[in-house]
Amino acid sequence: MSTLRRLTALLAEQAQQAGWAAFDGGRTRDAVDLYDESRAAAQDAQDPDLYGNSLAFLAYKTLADDRRTAVAFAQDSCATITTRTPSTVCALLYERLAWACAVDGRPAGTERALTSARQALEDAQEGEPQPDWSVWVDHTELDIMTGRRWTELRRPLRAVPVLTEALCRFSDGHARDKALYLSWLADAYRPPTRSSRRPRRPAEHSSSPPVSRPSGPAGASRP
């Protein structure tokens, strides 16, 4: 890869990080502009992984306003996956598709996406290089996010066991993240009510992996 392409790819990655920070801070218009900039830069850099990730970010942003379009964005992001896509990137994109499907009330689509994410991690080759922005995606991470998706769909019998087991493996040294994940477990135990069957909150509020876990610049891009 030429120096220009590497720098353009770096621009795409940093635009994604900045876009999530803007989105997390409520600056939606800025976030959309940055995601669009990231998508254009990833295309110029001929980097399908970053291009797919930019679409996944657009899916997150769109969930609040148009769930069907958000699912379409997430499906398009997974369509960028090829046999050359790193396993953690595959798992991350499928995991985000699962979230879009869960918020839109699609249990079958959620399950298919989670199965694909898990298969991607199981098929990973030893020593396979992974991008900094997805290297933290592992089986524990996927189990926690699996529980989160089934919680969103109000399926406690599927959510509670996987969350409980994953949290037993999760280090107490990452107190902030573990507290957040425990709140998801508490939510999974909550009996479904008319108002809780289809929560309106569009995105899980987890902006980055624990700082001591492997991550890319400014933390990994995990909403």
C-alpha atoms as a PDB file:
ATOM      1  CA  MET A   1       0.000   0.000   0.000  1.00  0.00           C
ATOM      2  CA  SER A   2       1.347   3.425  -0.949  1.00  0.00           C
ATOM      3  CA  THR A   3       2.035   6.130   1.606  1.00  0.00           C
ATOM      4  CA  LEU A   4      -0.871   8.179   0.286  1.00  0.00           C
ATOM      5  CA  ARG A   5      -3.284   5.285   0.678  1.00  0.00           C
ATOM      6  CA  ARG A   6      -2.034   4.563   4.201  1.00  0.00           C
ATOM      7  CA  LEU A   7      -2.525   8.200   5.205  1.00  0.00           C
ATOM      8  CA  THR A   8      -5.969   8.283   3.621  1.00  0.00           C
ATOM      9  CA  ALA A   9      -6.919   5.125   5.517  1.00  0.00           C
ATOM     10  CA  LEU A  10      -5.690   6.747   8.730  1.00  0.00           C
ATOM     11  CA  LEU A  11      -7.877   9.755   7.953  1.00  0.00           C
ATOM     12  CA  ALA A  12     -10.866   7.427   7.526  1.00  0.00           C
ATOM     13  CA  GLU A  13     -10.153   5.725  10.848  1.00  0.00           C
ATOM     14  CA  GLN A  14      -9.750   8.988  12.756  1.00  0.00           C
ATOM     15  CA  ALA A  15     -12.908  10.428  11.188  1.00  0.00           C
ATOM     16  CA  GLN A  16     -14.780   7.410  12.554  1.00  0.00           C
ATOM     17  CA  GLN A  17     -13.349   7.996  16.030  1.00  0.00           C
ATOM     18  CA  ALA A  18     -14.227  11.690  15.901  1.00  0.00           C
ATOM     19  CA  GLY A  19     -17.662  10.901  14.500  1.00  0.00           C
ATOM     20  CA  TRP A  20     -18.469   8.577  17.374  1.00  0.00           C
ATOM     21  CA  ALA A  21     -17.249  11.159  19.894  1.00  0.00           C
ATOM     22  CA  ALA A  22     -19.551  13.731  18.277  1.00  0.00           C
ATOM     23  CA  PHE A  23     -22.470  11.298  18.248  1.00  0.00           C
ATOM     24  CA  ASP A  24     -21.836  10.340  21.873  1.00  0.00           C
ATOM     25  CA  GLY A  25     -21.830  14.041  22.740  1.00  0.00           C
ATOM     26  CA  GLY A  26     -25.144  14.719  21.027  1.00  0.00           C
ATOM     27  CA  ARG A  27     -23.660  16.518  17.997  1.00  0.00           C
ATOM     28  CA  THR A  28     -25.510  14.400  15.475  1.00  0.00           C
ATOM     29  CA  ARG A  29     -24.963  16.634  12.443  1.00  0.00           C
ATOM     30  CA  ASP A  30     -21.208  16.707  13.048  1.00  0.00           C
ATOM     31  CA  ALA A  31     -21.231  12.937  13.482  1.00  0.00           C
ATOM     32  CA  VAL A  32     -22.967  12.375  10.152  1.00  0.00           C
ATOM     33  CA  ASP A  33     -20.524  14.681   8.368  1.00  0.00           C
ATOM     34  CA  LEU A  34     -17.578  12.814   9.883  1.00  0.00           C
ATOM     35  CA  TYR A  35     -19.040   9.412   9.020  1.00  0.00           C
ATOM     36  CA  ASP A  36     -19.557  10.539   5.437  1.00  0.00           C
ATOM     37  CA  GLU A  37     -15.994  11.869   5.339  1.00  0.00           C
ATOM     38  CA  SER A  38     -14.770   8.554   6.688  1.00  0.00           C
ATOM     39  CA  ARG A  39     -16.692   6.597   4.082  1.00  0.00           C
ATOM     40  CA  ALA A  40     -15.265   8.721   1.254  1.00  0.00           C
ATOM     41  CA  ALA A  41     -11.721   8.453   2.621  1.00  0.00           C
ATOM     42  CA  ALA A  42     -12.009   4.682   3.061  1.00  0.00           C
ATOM     43  CA  GLN A  43     -13.183   4.392  -0.534  1.00  0.00           C
ATOM     44  CA  ASP A  44     -10.275   6.518  -1.756  1.00  0.00           C
ATOM     45  CA  ALA A  45      -7.877   4.390   0.293  1.00  0.00           C
ATOM     46  CA  GLN A  46      -9.429   1.235  -1.199  1.00  0.00           C
ATOM     47  CA  ASP A  47      -9.894  -0.097   2.345  1.00  0.00           C
ATOM     48  CA  PRO A  48     -13.054  -2.240   2.433  1.00  0.00           C
ATOM     49  CA  ASP A  49     -12.758  -2.866   6.172  1.00  0.00           C
ATOM     50  CA  LEU A  50     -12.904   0.807   7.095  1.00  0.00           C
ATOM     51  CA  TYR A  51     -15.562   1.384   4.449  1.00  0.00           C
ATOM     52  CA  GLY A  52     -17.731  -1.302   6.018  1.00  0.00           C
ATOM     53  CA  ASN A  53     -17.147   0.146   9.464  1.00  0.00           C
ATOM     54  CA  SER A  54     -18.223   3.603   8.280  1.00  0.00           C
ATOM     55  CA  LEU A  55     -21.524   2.092   7.119  1.00  0.00           C
ATOM     56  CA  ALA A  56     -21.948   0.393  10.495  1.00  0.00           C
ATOM     57  CA  PHE A  57     -21.524   3.761  12.215  1.00  0.00           C
ATOM     58  CA  LEU A  58     -24.153   5.281   9.923  1.00  0.00           C
ATOM     59  CA  ALA A  59     -26.460   2.440  10.946  1.00  0.00           C
ATOM     60  CA  TYR A  60     -26.025   3.362  14.610  1.00  0.00           C
ATOM     61  CA  LYS A  61     -26.797   6.984  13.914  1.00  0.00           C
ATOM     62  CA  THR A  62     -29.867   6.146  11.842  1.00  0.00           C
ATOM     63  CA  LEU A  63     -31.464   3.803  14.393  1.00  0.00           C
ATOM     64  CA  ALA A  64     -33.055   6.668  16.308  1.00  0.00           C
ATOM     65  CA  ASP A  65     -34.958   7.946  13.272  1.00  0.00           C
ATOM     66  CA  ASP A  66     -35.398   5.090  10.806  1.00  0.00           C
ATOM     67  CA  ARG A  67     -34.782   1.534  12.003  1.00  0.00           C
ATOM     68  CA  ARG A  68     -35.397  -0.073   8.618  1.00  0.00           C
ATOM     69  CA  THR A  69     -32.816   2.156   6.941  1.00  0.00           C
ATOM     70  CA  ALA A  70     -30.407   1.478   9.799  1.00  0.00           C
ATOM     71  CA  VAL A  71     -30.711  -2.260   9.220  1.00  0.00           C
ATOM     72  CA  ALA A  72     -30.057  -1.674   5.516  1.00  0.00           C
ATOM     73  CA  PHE A  73     -26.885   0.286   6.341  1.00  0.00           C
ATOM     74  CA  ALA A  74     -25.731  -2.514   8.644  1.00  0.00           C
ATOM     75  CA  GLN A  75     -26.462  -5.130   5.976  1.00  0.00           C
ATOM     76  CA  ASP A  76     -24.471  -3.105   3.457  1.00  0.00           C
ATOM     77  CA  SER A  77     -21.576  -2.961   5.916  1.00  0.00           C
ATOM     78  CA  CYS A  78     -21.561  -6.758   6.171  1.00  0.00           C
ATOM     79  CA  ALA A  79     -21.720  -7.023   2.374  1.00  0.00           C
ATOM     80  CA  THR A  80     -18.172  -5.611   2.301  1.00  0.00           C
ATOM     81  CA  ILE A  81     -16.886  -8.759   4.028  1.00  0.00           C
ATOM     82  CA  THR A  82     -14.746 -11.037   1.858  1.00  0.00           C
ATOM     83  CA  THR A  83     -12.462 -13.995   2.480  1.00  0.00           C
ATOM     84  CA  ARG A  84      -9.663 -11.475   3.121  1.00  0.00           C
ATOM     85  CA  THR A  85     -11.520  -9.572   5.860  1.00  0.00           C
ATOM     86  CA  PRO A  86      -9.854 -10.011   9.277  1.00  0.00           C
ATOM     87  CA  SER A  87     -11.870 -12.139  11.685  1.00  0.00           C
ATOM     88  CA  THR A  88     -12.333  -9.403  14.279  1.00  0.00           C
ATOM     89  CA  VAL A  89     -13.636  -6.994  11.623  1.00  0.00           C
ATOM     90  CA  CYS A  90     -16.129  -9.632  10.461  1.00  0.00           C
ATOM     91  CA  ALA A  91     -17.278 -10.237  14.028  1.00  0.00           C
ATOM     92  CA  LEU A  92     -17.593  -6.513  14.725  1.00  0.00           C
ATOM     93  CA  LEU A  93     -19.673  -5.801  11.618  1.00  0.00           C
ATOM     94  CA  TYR A  94     -21.965  -8.781  12.188  1.00  0.00           C
ATOM     95  CA  GLU A  95     -22.306  -7.829  15.858  1.00  0.00           C
ATOM     96  CA  ARG A  96     -23.442  -4.342  14.836  1.00  0.00           C
ATOM     97  CA  LEU A  97     -25.914  -5.799  12.340  1.00  0.00           C
ATOM     98  CA  ALA A  98     -27.288  -7.892  15.197  1.00  0.00           C
ATOM     99  CA  TRP A  99     -27.828  -4.710  17.228  1.00  0.00           C
ATOM    100  CA  ALA A 100     -29.698  -2.992  14.405  1.00  0.00           C
ATOM    101  CA  CYS A 101     -31.891  -6.068  13.952  1.00  0.00           C
ATOM    102  CA  ALA A 102     -32.552  -6.286  17.690  1.00  0.00           C
ATOM    103  CA  VAL A 103     -33.604  -2.641  17.953  1.00  0.00           C
ATOM    104  CA  ASP A 104     -35.885  -3.168  14.952  1.00  0.00           C
ATOM    105  CA  GLY A 105     -37.452  -6.213  16.615  1.00  0.00           C
ATOM    106  CA  ARG A 106     -36.007  -8.865  14.277  1.00  0.00           C
ATOM    107  CA  PRO A 107     -35.011 -11.894  16.396  1.00  0.00           C
ATOM    108  CA  ALA A 108     -34.247 -14.144  13.406  1.00  0.00           C
ATOM    109  CA  GLY A 109     -31.969 -11.536  11.832  1.00  0.00           C
ATOM    110  CA  THR A 110     -30.320 -10.942  15.192  1.00  0.00           C
ATOM    111  CA  GLU A 111     -29.582 -14.629  15.644  1.00  0.00           C
ATOM    112  CA  ARG A 112     -28.187 -15.035  12.132  1.00  0.00           C
ATOM    113  CA  ALA A 113     -25.867 -12.069  12.581  1.00  0.00           C
ATOM    114  CA  LEU A 114     -24.649 -13.275  15.988  1.00  0.00           C
ATOM    115  CA  THR A 115     -24.014 -16.758  14.583  1.00  0.00           C
ATOM    116  CA  SER A 116     -21.937 -15.244  11.766  1.00  0.00           C
ATOM    117  CA  ALA A 117     -19.981 -13.125  14.242  1.00  0.00           C
ATOM    118  CA  ARG A 118     -19.192 -16.145  16.393  1.00  0.00           C
ATOM    119  CA  GLN A 119     -18.200 -18.221  13.393  1.00  0.00           C
ATOM    120  CA  ALA A 120     -15.818 -15.478  12.270  1.00  0.00           C
ATOM    121  CA  LEU A 121     -13.973 -15.606  15.596  1.00  0.00           C
ATOM    122  CA  GLU A 122     -13.876 -19.397  15.601  1.00  0.00           C
ATOM    123  CA  ASP A 123     -12.426 -19.442  12.072  1.00  0.00           C
ATOM    124  CA  ALA A 124      -9.640 -16.985  12.935  1.00  0.00           C
ATOM    125  CA  GLN A 125      -6.193 -18.182  11.941  1.00  0.00           C
ATOM    126  CA  GLU A 126      -3.416 -18.092  14.520  1.00  0.00           C
ATOM    127  CA  GLY A 127      -1.270 -15.014  13.995  1.00  0.00           C
ATOM    128  CA  GLU A 128      -3.790 -13.401  11.665  1.00  0.00           C
ATOM    129  CA  PRO A 129      -3.137  -9.625  11.688  1.00  0.00           C
ATOM    130  CA  GLN A 130      -6.014  -7.515  13.006  1.00  0.00           C
ATOM    131  CA  PRO A 131      -6.632  -3.750  12.718  1.00  0.00           C
ATOM    132  CA  ASP A 132      -6.103  -1.728  15.885  1.00  0.00           C
ATOM    133  CA  TRP A 133      -9.735  -0.606  15.823  1.00  0.00           C
ATOM    134  CA  SER A 134     -11.144  -4.155  16.027  1.00  0.00           C
ATOM    135  CA  VAL A 135      -8.437  -6.167  17.779  1.00  0.00           C
ATOM    136  CA  TRP A 136     -10.300  -6.076  21.119  1.00  0.00           C
ATOM    137  CA  VAL A 137     -13.258  -8.086  19.745  1.00  0.00           C
ATOM    138  CA  ASP A 138     -13.017 -11.537  21.347  1.00  0.00           C
ATOM    139  CA  HIS A 139     -15.367 -14.255  22.592  1.00  0.00           C
ATOM    140  CA  THR A 140     -16.013 -12.536  25.916  1.00  0.00           C
ATOM    141  CA  GLU A 141     -16.832  -9.265  24.160  1.00  0.00           C
ATOM    142  CA  LEU A 142     -19.152 -11.090  21.767  1.00  0.00           C
ATOM    143  CA  ASP A 143     -20.892 -12.942  24.598  1.00  0.00           C
ATOM    144  CA  ILE A 144     -21.578  -9.686  26.414  1.00  0.00           C
ATOM    145  CA  MET A 145     -22.927  -8.062  23.270  1.00  0.00           C
ATOM    146  CA  THR A 146     -24.985 -11.187  22.539  1.00  0.00           C
ATOM    147  CA  GLY A 147     -26.644 -10.854  25.923  1.00  0.00           C
ATOM    148  CA  ARG A 148     -27.253  -7.171  25.249  1.00  0.00           C
ATOM    149  CA  ARG A 149     -29.063  -7.931  22.023  1.00  0.00           C
ATOM    150  CA  TRP A 150     -31.300 -10.581  23.583  1.00  0.00           C
ATOM    151  CA  THR A 151     -32.026  -8.171  26.419  1.00  0.00           C
ATOM    152  CA  GLU A 152     -33.143  -5.608  23.853  1.00  0.00           C
ATOM    153  CA  LEU A 153     -35.490  -8.221  22.393  1.00  0.00           C
ATOM    154  CA  ARG A 154     -36.805  -9.052  25.891  1.00  0.00           C
ATOM    155  CA  ARG A 155     -35.563 -12.651  25.755  1.00  0.00           C
ATOM    156  CA  PRO A 156     -34.229 -13.109  29.319  1.00  0.00           C
ATOM    157  CA  LEU A 157     -33.828 -16.882  29.030  1.00  0.00           C
ATOM    158  CA  ARG A 158     -31.294 -16.256  26.271  1.00  0.00           C
ATOM    159  CA  ALA A 159     -29.778 -13.062  27.663  1.00  0.00           C
ATOM    160  CA  VAL A 160     -29.165 -13.914  31.321  1.00  0.00           C
ATOM    161  CA  PRO A 161     -27.028 -17.091  30.968  1.00  0.00           C
ATOM    162  CA  VAL A 162     -24.676 -15.673  28.350  1.00  0.00           C
ATOM    163  CA  LEU A 163     -24.259 -12.358  30.188  1.00  0.00           C
ATOM    164  CA  THR A 164     -23.688 -14.096  33.522  1.00  0.00           C
ATOM    165  CA  GLU A 165     -21.027 -16.416  32.140  1.00  0.00           C
ATOM    166  CA  ALA A 166     -19.268 -13.648  30.229  1.00  0.00           C
ATOM    167  CA  LEU A 167     -19.197 -11.308  33.223  1.00  0.00           C
ATOM    168  CA  CYS A 168     -17.609 -14.036  35.339  1.00  0.00           C
ATOM    169  CA  ARG A 169     -14.708 -13.956  32.885  1.00  0.00           C
ATOM    170  CA  PHE A 170     -14.560 -10.166  32.682  1.00  0.00           C
ATOM    171  CA  SER A 171     -11.802  -8.547  34.727  1.00  0.00           C
ATOM    172  CA  ASP A 172     -12.810  -6.532  37.801  1.00  0.00           C
ATOM    173  CA  GLY A 173      -9.956  -4.221  36.856  1.00  0.00           C
ATOM    174  CA  HIS A 174     -12.201  -2.642  34.219  1.00  0.00           C
ATOM    175  CA  ALA A 175     -14.741  -1.388  36.752  1.00  0.00           C
ATOM    176  CA  ARG A 176     -16.477   1.189  34.553  1.00  0.00           C
ATOM    177  CA  ASP A 177     -17.163  -1.256  31.752  1.00  0.00           C
ATOM    178  CA  LYS A 178     -18.163  -4.079  34.069  1.00  0.00           C
ATOM    179  CA  ALA A 179     -20.617  -1.804  35.882  1.00  0.00           C
ATOM    180  CA  LEU A 180     -22.214  -0.942  32.559  1.00  0.00           C
ATOM    181  CA  TYR A 181     -22.458  -4.585  31.556  1.00  0.00           C
ATOM    182  CA  LEU A 182     -23.925  -5.525  34.941  1.00  0.00           C
ATOM    183  CA  SER A 183     -26.629  -2.923  34.356  1.00  0.00           C
ATOM    184  CA  TRP A 184     -27.481  -4.777  31.153  1.00  0.00           C
ATOM    185  CA  LEU A 185     -27.730  -7.998  33.153  1.00  0.00           C
ATOM    186  CA  ALA A 186     -30.060  -6.260  35.608  1.00  0.00           C
ATOM    187  CA  ASP A 187     -32.152  -5.073  32.686  1.00  0.00           C
ATOM    188  CA  ALA A 188     -32.332  -8.632  31.360  1.00  0.00           C
ATOM    189  CA  TYR A 189     -33.916  -9.729  34.637  1.00  0.00           C
ATOM    190  CA  ARG A 190     -36.535  -6.966  34.463  1.00  0.00           C
ATOM    191  CA  PRO A 191     -39.997  -8.341  33.609  1.00  0.00           C
ATOM    192  CA  PRO A 192     -41.237  -7.141  30.219  1.00  0.00           C
ATOM    193  CA  THR A 193     -43.892  -4.454  30.263  1.00  0.00           C
ATOM    194  CA  ARG A 194     -45.735  -2.664  27.498  1.00  0.00           C
ATOM    195  CA  SER A 195     -43.229   0.203  27.626  1.00  0.00           C
ATOM    196  CA  SER A 196     -40.157  -2.046  27.739  1.00  0.00           C
ATOM    197  CA  ARG A 197     -40.927  -4.378  24.863  1.00  0.00           C
ATOM    198  CA  ARG A 198     -39.562  -1.990  22.246  1.00  0.00           C
ATOM    199  CA  PRO A 199     -37.122   0.397  23.951  1.00  0.00           C
ATOM    200  CA  ARG A 200     -36.681   3.625  22.013  1.00  0.00           C
ATOM    201  CA  ARG A 201     -33.046   4.205  22.996  1.00  0.00           C
ATOM    202  CA  PRO A 202     -31.231   3.486  19.745  1.00  0.00           C
ATOM    203  CA  ALA A 203     -27.753   2.533  20.800  1.00  0.00           C
ATOM    204  CA  GLU A 204     -25.886   0.786  23.553  1.00  0.00           C
ATOM    205  CA  HIS A 205     -23.892   3.404  25.398  1.00  0.00           C
ATOM    206  CA  SER A 206     -20.413   1.935  25.446  1.00  0.00           C
ATOM    207  CA  SER A 207     -17.977   4.212  23.730  1.00  0.00           C
ATOM    208  CA  SER A 208     -14.696   2.328  24.018  1.00  0.00           C
ATOM    209  CA  PRO A 209     -13.057  -0.791  25.424  1.00  0.00           C
ATOM    210  CA  PRO A 210     -11.249  -0.626  28.765  1.00  0.00           C
ATOM    211  CA  VAL A 211      -8.177   1.534  28.372  1.00  0.00           C
ATOM    212  CA  SER A 212      -5.830  -1.252  29.395  1.00  0.00           C
ATOM    213  CA  ARG A 213      -7.157  -3.649  26.786  1.00  0.00           C
ATOM    214  CA  PRO A 214      -5.628  -3.608  23.281  1.00  0.00           C
ATOM    215  CA  SER A 215      -7.173  -0.795  21.277  1.00  0.00           C
ATOM    216  CA  GLY A 216      -6.554   1.602  18.462  1.00  0.00           C
ATOM    217  CA  PRO A 217      -5.875   5.331  18.675  1.00  0.00           C
ATOM    218  CA  ALA A 218      -8.248   7.103  21.061  1.00  0.00           C
ATOM    219  CA  GLY A 219      -9.752   3.743  22.014  1.00  0.00           C
ATOM    220  CA  ALA A 220     -11.499   1.373  19.685  1.00  0.00           C
ATOM    221  CA  SER A 221     -14.508   2.459  17.719  1.00  0.00           C
ATOM    222  CA  ARG A 222     -17.133   0.488  19.606  1.00  0.00           C
ATOM    223  CA  PRO A 223     -20.437   2.270  20.203  1.00  0.00           C
END
